[in-house]
Protein backbone atom coordinates (compact mmCIF):
# COMPACT_ATOMS: atom_id res chain seq x y z
CA MET A 1 -26.66 -9.41 13.26
CA THR A 2 -27.28 -10.08 16.96
CA GLY A 3 -26.73 -7.54 19.72
CA ARG A 4 -24.12 -9.83 21.31
CA TYR A 5 -22.13 -9.93 18.07
CA ILE A 6 -22.28 -6.15 17.66
CA GLN A 7 -21.09 -5.75 21.26
CA ARG A 8 -18.18 -8.11 20.62
CA ILE A 9 -17.16 -6.24 17.46
CA ALA A 10 -17.41 -2.88 19.23
CA SER A 11 -15.11 -4.13 22.00
CA LEU A 12 -12.59 -5.34 19.41
CA ALA A 13 -12.69 -1.95 17.71
CA VAL A 14 -11.77 -0.24 20.97
CA VAL A 15 -8.79 -2.58 21.41
CA VAL A 16 -7.23 -1.60 18.07
CA PRO A 17 -6.24 1.99 18.92
CA VAL A 18 -5.45 1.06 22.54
CA LEU A 19 -2.92 -1.60 21.52
CA ALA A 20 -1.36 0.76 18.98
CA GLN A 21 -0.70 3.36 21.68
CA LEU A 22 1.18 1.08 24.09
CA CYS A 23 4.38 2.68 25.29
CA LEU A 24 7.36 1.16 23.49
CA ALA A 25 10.42 0.43 25.59
CA GLU A 26 13.83 1.60 24.44
CA PRO A 27 16.85 -0.72 24.43
CA ASP A 28 19.99 0.64 25.99
CA ASN A 29 21.93 0.63 22.73
CA ARG A 30 19.32 2.45 20.64
CA PRO A 31 20.56 5.72 19.09
CA GLY A 32 18.81 8.78 20.52
CA SER A 33 17.94 10.05 17.05
CA PHE A 34 15.44 7.23 16.47
CA VAL A 35 11.78 8.28 16.73
CA LYS A 36 8.35 6.78 16.32
CA VAL A 37 6.14 8.24 13.61
CA LEU A 38 2.47 7.88 14.61
CA ILE A 39 -0.29 8.26 12.00
CA SER A 40 -3.80 8.75 13.42
CA SER A 41 -6.88 8.68 11.20
CA GLN A 42 -10.49 7.54 11.01
CA VAL A 43 -11.13 4.27 9.22
CA GLY A 44 -14.06 1.94 8.81
CA LEU A 45 -14.55 -1.42 10.45
CA PHE A 46 -16.03 -3.78 7.84
CA ASP A 47 -17.72 -7.14 8.08
CA GLU A 48 -15.83 -9.15 5.46
CA SER A 49 -18.73 -11.47 4.69
CA SER A 50 -21.15 -8.68 3.73
CA MET A 51 -18.68 -5.85 2.94
CA LEU A 52 -20.81 -3.56 5.10
CA GLN A 53 -19.20 -0.99 7.38
CA ILE A 54 -20.12 -1.64 11.02
CA ILE A 55 -18.59 1.36 12.79
CA GLN A 56 -15.85 3.97 12.43
CA ILE A 57 -12.73 3.63 14.56
CA GLN A 58 -9.68 5.80 15.26
CA GLN A 59 -6.53 3.95 14.31
CA LEU A 60 -2.95 4.79 15.31
CA ILE A 61 -0.20 3.27 13.16
CA PRO A 62 3.43 3.40 14.35
CA PHE A 63 6.39 3.52 11.94
CA PRO A 64 10.10 3.62 12.81
CA GLY A 65 11.88 6.81 11.79
CA PHE A 66 15.02 8.83 12.38
CA VAL A 67 15.99 12.50 12.51
CA ILE A 68 18.24 13.58 9.64
CA ASP A 69 19.17 17.18 10.55
CA ASP A 70 19.08 19.79 13.31
CA GLN A 71 15.89 21.29 11.83
CA GLY A 72 13.78 18.38 13.04
CA HIS A 73 13.23 16.69 9.69
CA VAL A 74 12.38 13.01 10.01
CA VAL A 75 12.56 10.18 7.47
CA SER A 76 10.33 7.11 7.73
CA PHE A 77 9.69 4.13 5.45
CA VAL A 78 5.90 3.66 5.44
CA GLY A 79 5.49 0.91 2.84
CA PHE A 80 2.21 0.45 0.99
CA ARG A 81 0.41 2.60 3.58
CA TRP A 82 1.89 5.85 2.28
CA PRO A 83 -1.46 7.06 0.83
CA GLU A 84 -2.80 7.31 4.39
CA LEU A 85 -0.36 10.11 5.22
CA THR A 86 -1.97 12.25 2.52
CA MET A 87 -5.56 11.82 3.74
CA PRO A 88 -7.23 15.07 4.94
CA ASP A 89 -8.07 13.58 8.35
CA ALA A 90 -4.59 12.17 9.03
CA ARG A 91 -2.75 13.53 12.06
CA ILE A 92 1.00 12.87 12.25
CA THR A 93 2.97 12.83 15.50
CA VAL A 94 6.66 12.21 16.18
CA GLU A 95 7.60 10.61 19.52
CA THR A 96 11.18 10.86 20.80
CA ALA A 97 13.13 8.34 22.87
CA SER A 98 12.18 10.22 26.06
CA GLY A 99 8.45 9.91 25.27
CA GLU A 100 7.92 13.52 24.19
CA ARG A 101 5.49 13.97 21.31
CA TYR A 102 5.54 16.69 18.67
CA PRO A 103 2.98 17.37 15.91
CA ALA A 104 4.50 16.83 12.49
CA GLN A 105 3.71 17.96 8.96
CA LEU A 106 4.24 15.97 5.80
CA VAL A 107 6.89 17.56 3.57
CA GLY A 108 6.65 14.97 0.83
CA ILE A 109 6.71 11.28 -0.08
CA ASP A 110 8.93 9.52 -2.56
CA GLN A 111 6.17 7.32 -3.92
CA ARG A 112 8.68 5.22 -5.85
CA ILE A 113 10.14 3.81 -2.61
CA SER A 114 7.44 4.74 -0.01
CA LEU A 115 9.80 7.08 1.83
CA ALA A 116 8.16 9.90 3.82
CA VAL A 117 9.91 13.11 4.92
CA LEU A 118 8.29 14.97 7.84
CA SER A 119 8.89 18.25 9.60
CA ALA A 120 8.47 18.55 13.39
CA GLU A 121 9.27 21.27 15.94
CA ILE A 122 11.87 19.07 17.57
CA ARG A 123 15.49 19.93 18.35
CA PRO A 124 17.27 16.62 18.89
CA ALA A 125 20.53 16.26 20.78
CA ARG A 126 21.86 14.30 17.81
CA PHE A 127 20.76 13.23 14.38
CA ILE A 128 21.58 10.32 12.12
CA HIS A 129 24.50 10.30 9.70
CA PHE A 130 24.63 8.15 6.60
CA ALA A 131 27.30 5.69 5.50
CA PRO A 132 27.85 3.63 2.33
CA PHE A 133 26.32 0.17 2.29
CA PRO A 134 29.02 -2.45 2.98
CA ASP A 135 29.57 -5.65 1.02
CA ASN A 136 30.04 -7.81 4.13
CA GLY A 137 30.39 -7.76 7.90
CA GLN A 138 28.01 -7.39 10.82
CA VAL A 139 25.22 -4.81 10.92
CA ARG A 140 22.35 -3.97 13.27
CA PHE A 141 18.62 -4.05 12.59
CA PHE A 142 16.32 -1.80 14.65
CA ASN A 143 12.56 -2.03 14.36
CA LEU A 144 9.32 -1.42 16.23
CA GLY A 145 8.02 -4.67 17.66
CA ALA A 146 4.57 -5.21 19.17
CA ARG A 147 5.49 -3.36 22.36
CA GLU A 148 9.13 -2.33 22.20
CA TRP A 149 12.02 -1.55 19.94
CA ARG A 150 13.70 -4.74 18.81
CA THR A 151 17.27 -5.23 17.72
CA SER A 152 19.17 -7.93 15.86
CA ALA A 153 22.77 -8.16 14.70
CA PRO A 154 22.94 -10.28 11.53
CA PHE A 155 25.94 -10.86 9.27
CA LEU A 156 25.88 -9.89 5.60
CA LEU A 157 26.57 -13.07 3.66
CA LYS A 158 25.94 -11.86 0.11
CA VAL A 159 25.02 -8.46 -1.34
CA GLU A 160 23.78 -8.04 -4.92
CA LYS A 161 22.69 -4.89 -6.74
CA LYS A 162 19.38 -5.22 -8.60
CA ALA A 163 19.34 -3.85 -12.12
CA GLY A 164 16.91 -1.02 -12.71
CA VAL A 165 15.66 -0.69 -9.10
CA PRO A 166 17.22 0.97 -6.04
CA GLU A 167 16.99 -1.93 -3.57
CA ARG A 168 19.71 -4.51 -3.07
CA ASP A 169 19.20 -8.23 -2.54
CA VAL A 170 20.98 -9.23 0.66
CA GLN A 171 21.45 -12.62 2.27
CA VAL A 172 21.85 -12.38 6.04
CA GLY A 173 22.53 -14.88 8.79
CA GLY A 174 21.73 -14.64 12.49
CA VAL A 175 18.63 -12.45 12.21
CA GLY A 176 16.75 -14.60 14.74
CA LYS A 177 14.23 -17.42 14.74
CA SER A 178 12.17 -15.92 11.91
CA TYR A 179 12.49 -13.16 9.34
CA GLN A 180 8.91 -12.05 9.99
CA GLY A 181 8.61 -8.56 11.43
CA TRP A 182 12.00 -7.24 10.30
CA GLU A 183 10.56 -5.35 7.33
CA SER A 184 10.92 -1.57 7.78
CA SER A 185 13.95 -2.12 10.02
CA LEU A 186 16.59 0.60 10.12
CA VAL A 187 19.99 -0.83 9.27
CA LEU A 188 23.05 0.61 11.05
CA ASP A 189 26.77 -0.01 10.92
CA ARG A 190 28.96 -0.35 14.02
CA GLU A 191 29.23 3.44 14.31
CA ASP A 192 25.43 3.83 14.43
CA LYS A 193 25.33 5.38 10.97
CA VAL A 194 22.35 4.52 8.76
CA ILE A 195 23.34 2.31 5.87
CA GLY A 196 19.85 1.31 4.72
CA ILE A 197 16.22 0.39 5.37
CA VAL A 198 14.77 -3.11 4.99
CA THR A 199 11.89 -2.80 2.51
CA GLY A 200 11.06 -6.51 2.22
CA THR A 201 11.93 -9.93 3.64
CA ARG A 202 11.45 -13.51 2.58
CA ARG A 203 12.75 -16.96 3.44
CA TYR A 204 15.88 -18.31 1.80
CA PRO A 205 14.78 -21.53 0.06
CA TYR A 206 17.83 -23.68 0.89
CA SER A 207 18.61 -22.83 4.50
CA ARG A 208 16.80 -22.30 7.81
CA THR A 209 19.51 -20.00 9.14
CA VAL A 210 19.80 -17.66 6.14
CA GLU A 211 17.22 -15.00 5.30
CA MET A 212 16.70 -12.79 2.25
CA CYS A 213 16.18 -9.02 2.60
CA GLU A 214 15.60 -6.21 0.16
CA ILE A 215 17.45 -3.20 1.52
CA LEU A 216 17.23 0.41 0.34
CA PRO A 217 20.79 1.76 0.64
CA ALA A 218 21.66 4.98 2.44
CA ASP A 219 22.74 6.90 -0.66
CA VAL A 220 19.26 6.42 -2.19
CA ILE A 221 17.58 7.52 1.05
CA ARG A 222 19.77 10.60 1.34
CA LYS A 223 19.26 11.70 -2.28
CA SER A 224 15.51 11.14 -2.04
CA ALA A 225 15.18 13.12 1.20
CA THR A 226 17.32 15.95 -0.18
CA ARG A 227 15.20 16.19 -3.33
CA ILE A 228 11.96 16.30 -1.31
CA LEU A 229 13.29 18.99 1.03
CA GLU A 230 14.44 21.12 -1.89
CA SER A 231 11.16 20.86 -3.83
CA ARG A 232 8.84 20.62 -0.78
CA SER A 233 6.72 18.19 -2.77
CA ASP A 234 6.25 14.50 -3.59
CA ILE A 235 8.38 12.48 -5.97
CA GLU A 236 5.76 10.68 -8.03
CA ALA A 237 6.20 7.10 -9.15
CA GLY A 238 6.18 6.25 -12.82
CA TRP A 239 2.97 4.72 -14.19
CA LEU A 240 2.63 2.89 -17.50
CA GLY A 241 -1.15 2.68 -17.65
CA ALA A 242 -1.04 -1.00 -18.61
CA PHE A 243 -2.06 -4.16 -16.78
CA LEU A 244 0.54 -6.89 -16.87
CA ALA A 245 0.50 -10.65 -16.33
CA ASP A 246 3.03 -13.46 -16.56
CA ASN A 247 2.10 -16.23 -19.01
CA LYS A 248 3.11 -19.89 -18.98
CA ALA A 249 5.93 -19.19 -21.41
CA GLY A 250 7.62 -16.94 -18.86
CA GLN A 251 6.76 -13.70 -20.67
CA THR A 252 5.27 -10.53 -19.20
CA ILE A 253 2.19 -9.75 -21.29
CA ILE A 254 0.11 -6.58 -21.51
CA THR A 255 -3.47 -7.67 -20.83
CA ARG A 256 -5.11 -4.24 -21.06
CA THR A 257 -4.19 -0.58 -21.46
CA THR A 258 -5.80 2.40 -19.75
CA GLN A 259 -7.59 4.77 -22.10
CA GLY A 260 -5.40 7.82 -22.68
CA GLY A 261 -2.58 6.35 -20.58
CA PRO A 262 1.15 6.31 -21.45
CA ALA A 263 1.08 2.78 -22.91
CA GLU A 264 -1.84 3.53 -25.25
CA ARG A 265 -0.28 6.81 -26.39
CA ALA A 266 2.98 4.99 -27.17
CA GLY A 267 1.14 2.47 -29.36
CA LEU A 268 1.35 -0.53 -27.02
CA GLN A 269 -1.47 -3.05 -27.31
CA PRO A 270 -2.92 -5.98 -25.34
CA GLY A 271 -0.94 -9.12 -26.18
CA ASP A 272 2.41 -7.33 -26.49
CA ALA A 273 5.18 -9.10 -24.54
CA ILE A 274 7.49 -6.73 -22.65
CA LEU A 275 11.10 -7.84 -23.03
CA LYS A 276 13.06 -4.91 -21.58
CA VAL A 277 12.41 -1.81 -19.47
CA ASN A 278 15.10 0.88 -19.58
CA ASP A 279 17.35 -1.58 -21.46
CA GLN A 280 17.12 -4.12 -18.60
CA PRO A 281 15.63 -7.58 -19.30
CA VAL A 282 12.26 -8.24 -17.66
CA GLU A 283 12.24 -11.45 -15.62
CA HIS A 284 8.65 -11.20 -14.44
CA ARG A 285 5.69 -8.85 -14.06
CA GLN A 286 6.63 -7.37 -10.68
CA ARG A 287 10.16 -6.54 -11.79
CA ALA A 288 8.76 -4.60 -14.77
CA ILE A 289 6.41 -2.66 -12.47
CA ASP A 290 9.22 -1.88 -10.01
CA ARG A 291 11.49 -0.53 -12.76
CA ILE A 292 8.74 1.62 -14.25
CA ARG A 293 7.86 2.98 -10.80
CA TRP A 294 11.51 3.86 -10.08
CA VAL A 295 11.96 5.85 -13.32
CA GLY A 296 9.35 8.28 -12.00
CA ALA A 297 6.49 10.31 -13.45
CA GLY A 298 7.25 12.84 -16.17
CA ARG A 299 10.22 10.92 -17.54
CA SER A 300 10.59 8.82 -20.65
CA VAL A 301 11.76 5.21 -20.61
CA PRO A 302 12.74 2.94 -23.51
CA LEU A 303 10.56 -0.16 -23.58
CA THR A 304 11.31 -3.17 -25.79
CA PHE A 305 8.41 -5.45 -26.64
CA LYS A 306 7.51 -8.29 -28.97
CA ARG A 307 4.35 -8.27 -31.09
CA ASP A 308 3.75 -11.42 -33.10
CA ASP A 309 7.26 -12.14 -34.43
CA THR A 310 8.52 -8.55 -34.45
CA VAL A 311 10.64 -6.98 -31.70
CA GLN A 312 10.28 -3.20 -31.34
CA THR A 313 11.48 -0.47 -28.99
CA VAL A 314 9.46 2.63 -28.15
CA SER A 315 9.99 5.56 -25.83
CA VAL A 316 7.17 5.84 -23.30
CA ARG A 317 6.64 9.03 -21.33
CA LEU A 318 5.41 7.92 -17.92
CA THR A 319 2.82 9.82 -15.89
CA ARG A 320 1.64 9.77 -12.30
CA ARG A 321 -0.90 7.14 -11.39
CA MET A 322 -4.31 8.23 -12.66
CA ASP A 323 -6.52 6.10 -10.41
CA VAL A 324 -7.04 6.61 -6.67
CA LEU A 325 -5.28 4.28 -4.24
CA PRO A 326 -7.67 2.93 -1.58
CA ARG A 327 -7.07 3.42 2.12
CA MET A 328 -6.41 0.40 4.33
CA GLN A 329 -9.42 -0.44 6.51
CA TRP A 330 -9.99 -2.89 9.35
CA MET A 331 -11.82 -6.05 8.37
CA VAL A 332 -13.76 -8.37 10.71
CA ARG A 333 -13.13 -11.95 9.68
CA ARG A 334 -15.30 -14.58 11.30
CA GLU A 335 -13.91 -18.09 11.54
CA GLU A 336 -16.16 -21.10 12.02
CA THR A 337 -15.28 -23.40 14.93
CA TRP A 338 -16.23 -27.03 15.37
CA ALA A 339 -16.89 -26.73 19.11
CA SER A 340 -20.14 -28.12 20.42
CA THR A 341 -21.31 -24.60 21.26
CA GLY A 342 -21.22 -23.67 17.58
CA THR A 343 -19.79 -20.22 18.37
CA ARG A 344 -17.99 -18.12 15.78
CA ARG A 345 -14.73 -16.38 16.54
CA ALA A 346 -14.07 -12.94 15.12
CA ARG A 347 -10.66 -11.46 14.47
CA LEU A 348 -9.48 -8.13 13.09
CA ALA A 349 -7.06 -7.73 10.21
CA PRO A 350 -6.13 -4.76 8.02
CA GLY A 351 -7.03 -4.96 4.36
CA PHE A 352 -8.60 -3.23 1.39
CA PRO A 353 -12.39 -3.60 1.21
CA PRO A 354 -13.02 -4.86 -2.34
CA LEU A 355 -15.36 -1.97 -3.18
CA ALA A 356 -12.60 0.51 -2.33
CA VAL A 357 -10.89 -0.24 -5.64
CA LEU A 358 -14.03 0.93 -7.43
CA GLY A 359 -14.09 4.21 -5.52
CA PHE A 360 -17.58 4.22 -4.06
CA ASP A 361 -19.57 3.27 -0.93
CA LEU A 362 -22.85 1.39 -1.21
CA ASP A 363 -25.83 0.82 1.09
CA PRO A 364 -28.46 -1.92 0.60
CA LEU A 365 -32.02 -0.72 0.03
CA SER A 366 -34.93 -1.62 2.26
CA ALA A 367 -38.08 -2.92 0.57
CA LYS A 368 -39.73 0.51 0.90
CA LEU A 369 -36.75 2.33 -0.63
CA ALA A 370 -36.52 -0.20 -3.45
CA ASP A 371 -40.19 0.50 -4.19
CA PHE A 372 -39.58 4.26 -3.99
CA PHE A 373 -36.73 4.05 -6.54
CA LYS A 374 -38.82 1.68 -8.69
CA CYS A 375 -36.21 -1.06 -8.71
CA PRO A 376 -37.49 -3.77 -11.10
CA ASP A 377 -36.27 -6.66 -8.89
CA GLY A 378 -37.33 -5.04 -5.61
CA GLN A 379 -33.69 -4.69 -4.52
CA GLY A 380 -30.62 -2.59 -5.21
CA LEU A 381 -27.64 -0.69 -3.78
CA LEU A 382 -27.64 3.05 -3.14
CA VAL A 383 -24.42 4.92 -3.99
CA ARG A 384 -23.66 6.79 -0.76
CA ASP A 385 -20.26 8.29 -1.67
CA VAL A 386 -18.00 8.50 -4.74
CA ALA A 387 -14.24 9.08 -4.51
CA PRO A 388 -12.90 11.79 -6.85
CA ASP A 389 -11.00 10.43 -9.87
CA GLY A 390 -11.83 6.84 -8.91
CA VAL A 391 -13.13 4.12 -11.22
CA ALA A 392 -16.78 4.90 -10.44
CA ASP A 393 -16.30 8.66 -10.79
CA LYS A 394 -14.59 8.32 -14.17
CA ALA A 395 -17.40 6.05 -15.36
CA GLY A 396 -19.95 8.74 -14.47
CA LEU A 397 -21.63 7.28 -11.40
CA LYS A 398 -22.93 9.81 -8.86
CA VAL A 399 -24.15 9.90 -5.27
CA GLY A 400 -27.84 8.91 -5.25
CA ASP A 401 -27.60 6.44 -8.13
CA VAL A 402 -29.08 3.01 -7.40
CA LEU A 403 -27.25 -0.04 -8.77
CA ILE A 404 -29.67 -2.82 -9.70
CA ARG A 405 -27.76 -5.36 -11.81
CA VAL A 406 -24.18 -6.43 -12.61
CA ASN A 407 -23.80 -8.33 -15.88
CA ASP A 408 -27.61 -8.82 -15.83
CA LEU A 409 -27.51 -10.40 -12.34
CA GLY A 410 -29.59 -8.76 -9.61
CA ILE A 411 -27.70 -7.39 -6.59
CA SER A 412 -28.88 -6.74 -3.04
CA SER A 413 -25.63 -6.64 -1.01
CA PRO A 414 -22.14 -5.18 -1.58
CA ALA A 415 -20.91 -8.78 -1.28
CA ASP A 416 -22.68 -9.54 -4.59
CA LEU A 417 -20.01 -7.49 -6.37
CA GLN A 418 -17.14 -9.43 -4.87
CA PRO A 419 -16.92 -12.15 -7.60
CA PHE A 420 -16.34 -9.41 -10.19
CA LEU A 421 -13.55 -7.64 -8.30
CA HIS A 422 -10.29 -8.96 -9.66
CA SER A 423 -7.52 -7.10 -11.44
CA GLY A 424 -8.23 -6.33 -15.08
CA SER A 425 -11.91 -7.29 -14.93
CA GLN A 426 -14.61 -5.39 -16.80
CA PHE A 427 -18.34 -5.63 -16.14
CA ASP A 428 -21.59 -3.89 -17.00
CA VAL A 429 -23.57 -2.14 -14.27
CA GLN A 430 -27.22 -1.14 -14.63
CA PHE A 431 -28.39 1.67 -12.37
CA ILE A 432 -31.33 3.99 -11.85
CA ARG A 433 -30.99 7.78 -12.00
CA SER A 434 -33.99 10.11 -11.95
CA GLY A 435 -36.32 7.19 -12.60
CA GLN A 436 -34.48 6.00 -15.71
CA VAL A 437 -32.46 2.79 -16.05
CA ARG A 438 -28.98 3.41 -17.43
CA LYS A 439 -25.93 1.28 -18.06
CA VAL A 440 -22.21 1.89 -17.51
CA LYS A 441 -19.08 -0.25 -17.89
CA LEU A 442 -16.65 -0.44 -14.96
CA ALA A 443 -13.05 -1.56 -15.51
CA LEU A 444 -10.78 -2.48 -12.60
CA PRO A 445 -7.07 -1.60 -12.58
């Protein structure tokens, strides 16, 4: 890696937190109880081609939020990034409409719907009230854009409840030129009462002026926040401990079960086709996962499945997720250009480094270190860190182990593991510990 390239990457890394901290303008019609929730933490900057960490950067992620009571409690939908709020190095700040910032503490997260409840020493002039979700009419979307709060006033064209999950499918018109960026929007009625949060968006297949939104209604938000405040703890999502896939026949099939997990204890096996979850038909894999997640950990759910030609129903007691969710990192992606100069452009994008799902960090060995560890191929990867309760930890790998082969293929770079890192894969890893070659099997969730 050349010095010029390292300098370019370092300059990009500085831009990330600077852009995230730009002051966001407030539209005139924005309710004063809206706040920005800022999550600051240390993350790695990875070169995607080699999977090697280049430097550490301080990131600042903004989420829209709103105050729900006169005690300064704030609710924010944080999506798939909710694990980052629970990291030991995470610092949470709430910024008001006037630009004042207050340190905040995490009260709890409803992991089923990625809803965070925070506590801050803030005494707002007003706080949000909730209202039932309407079946039609005009609403308002508020969201954090790149530099300012954005607003849109779409019409509700069609509202459908989704069986077995809290979100509603909503068709809207007049949201703007594109649906992109309206996820996490706060949805208000004409009286500025919260009626929901947009948790997902997608294009409507038959119209350019109609968009599809998944909206979490206000009654679900209110009940979730109340439960967290009463227990002062998380609401854990339900976990089946089974890996699912959709086959060509339109069935959701169990491809593998986790050892000791809920599915295995209930007698479910690979090849079983899931027909119903909680007495609701399963249309596809993701719908089954969403329904299981919503039931919650510690609760039992009836699950109907087909094995060979026999249809059976069992009660499965769900648990919390047993594996460790990886933290989002920044990835450097280099794109080739066809200019005569032959230069390569680098861009930053958030993502999960593939090795994060295994729960360890690796460093390539120099020739001298490979000789010191007596690596048979003169190459290997040193285990620098192991995440507690991760895939590598459960398999027995430790800091200081040296990986030398994967499925009998020699490895010299973290990128050599990339072809093996897909959901449900299993592979053999040979490693050296205390001068002895050992073997372990790693299985990806």
